[in-house]
Amino acid sequence: MKIEVKKLRNEQLEEKGISSWPIWKKEISRFDWHYDTTEECYLLEGDVVVETEDGGEVRFGRGDFVTFPKGLSCIWDIKQPVKKHYNLR
């Protein structure tokens, strides 16, 4: 399972309606997480390294649009406090 990280143009952010999505915040921490649904998120703040079960690492932060696939189990390692818009589908 692959975590997708990309940059979106302002028009794309508006098309998706990201500014109306709920906001989630989290302090510097490290925790296990499992995705029961696909999650899309747009980081307003933060620096995160996600470690996947296969030993891979994905780093993302402010301005990144990230998609986590349904069924993914991983470890979130938050290096700088996170503030993100998120959408579950």
Protein backbone atom coordinates (compact mmCIF):
# COMPACT_ATOMS: atom_id res chain seq x y z
CA MET A 1 0.00 0.00 0.00
CA LYS A 2 1.34 3.34 -1.03
CA ILE A 3 0.99 6.72 0.65
CA GLU A 4 0.65 9.41 -2.01
CA VAL A 5 2.09 12.88 -1.32
CA LYS A 6 1.69 15.73 -3.80
CA LYS A 7 1.38 19.49 -4.11
CA LEU A 8 -1.92 20.93 -5.31
CA ARG A 9 -2.50 24.29 -7.00
CA ASN A 10 -4.90 26.73 -5.32
CA GLU A 11 -7.54 25.92 -7.97
CA GLN A 12 -7.31 22.21 -7.10
CA LEU A 13 -7.67 22.96 -3.36
CA GLU A 14 -10.80 25.00 -4.12
CA GLU A 15 -12.25 22.31 -6.42
CA LYS A 16 -11.95 19.73 -3.64
CA GLY A 17 -13.50 22.10 -1.09
CA ILE A 18 -10.62 21.48 1.31
CA SER A 19 -11.20 24.64 3.35
CA SER A 20 -14.58 23.20 4.47
CA TRP A 21 -13.10 19.86 5.64
CA PRO A 22 -12.73 19.27 9.41
CA ILE A 23 -9.43 20.16 11.08
CA TRP A 24 -7.32 17.79 13.19
CA LYS A 25 -4.44 18.94 15.42
CA LYS A 26 -1.80 16.89 17.23
CA GLU A 27 1.26 17.73 19.30
CA ILE A 28 4.72 16.21 18.84
CA SER A 29 4.19 12.49 19.45
CA ARG A 30 4.61 8.98 18.09
CA PHE A 31 1.76 6.47 17.75
CA ASP A 32 0.47 3.47 15.80
CA TRP A 33 -2.41 4.04 13.38
CA HIS A 34 -4.60 1.92 11.10
CA TYR A 35 -6.79 3.30 8.30
CA ASP A 36 -10.26 1.69 8.11
CA THR A 37 -11.13 4.04 5.24
CA THR A 38 -9.14 6.03 2.69
CA GLU A 39 -8.10 9.41 4.11
CA GLU A 40 -7.10 12.52 2.20
CA CYS A 41 -5.53 15.38 4.11
CA TYR A 42 -3.96 18.77 3.47
CA LEU A 43 -1.33 19.94 5.96
CA LEU A 44 -1.57 23.52 7.14
CA GLU A 45 1.28 23.03 9.64
CA GLY A 46 3.66 20.32 10.77
CA ASP A 47 6.38 17.89 9.90
CA VAL A 48 5.60 14.16 9.95
CA VAL A 49 7.40 10.92 9.17
CA VAL A 50 5.10 7.92 8.65
CA GLU A 51 6.72 4.50 8.93
CA THR A 52 5.00 1.70 7.02
CA GLU A 53 4.91 -2.00 7.91
CA ASP A 54 7.32 -2.83 5.07
CA GLY A 55 9.99 -0.59 6.62
CA GLY A 56 9.42 2.37 4.33
CA GLU A 57 9.21 5.99 5.43
CA VAL A 58 7.21 8.86 3.96
CA ARG A 59 7.86 12.45 5.10
CA PHE A 60 5.43 15.29 4.56
CA GLY A 61 4.59 18.72 5.94
CA ARG A 62 3.00 22.09 5.35
CA GLY A 63 1.41 22.43 1.92
CA ASP A 64 1.37 18.70 1.15
CA PHE A 65 -1.77 16.84 0.08
CA VAL A 66 -1.54 13.26 1.35
CA THR A 67 -3.68 10.20 0.59
CA PHE A 68 -3.58 7.20 2.95
CA PRO A 69 -5.08 4.01 1.48
CA LYS A 70 -7.72 1.96 3.29
CA GLY A 71 -6.12 -0.94 5.18
CA LEU A 72 -2.78 0.80 5.81
CA SER A 73 -1.15 0.20 9.20
CA CYS A 74 1.67 2.56 10.12
CA ILE A 75 3.43 4.60 12.80
CA TRP A 76 3.02 8.37 12.86
CA ASP A 77 6.12 10.20 14.14
CA ILE A 78 5.17 13.87 14.49
CA LYS A 79 8.31 16.03 14.52
CA GLN A 80 6.50 19.42 14.57
CA PRO A 81 2.88 19.93 15.71
CA VAL A 82 0.32 19.10 13.01
CA LYS A 83 -2.74 21.00 11.86
CA LYS A 84 -4.49 19.46 8.88
CA HIS A 85 -7.76 19.39 6.97
CA TYR A 86 -8.94 15.81 6.45
CA ASN A 87 -11.59 13.89 4.51
CA LEU A 88 -12.52 10.22 4.95
CA ARG A 89 -13.93 8.33 1.98
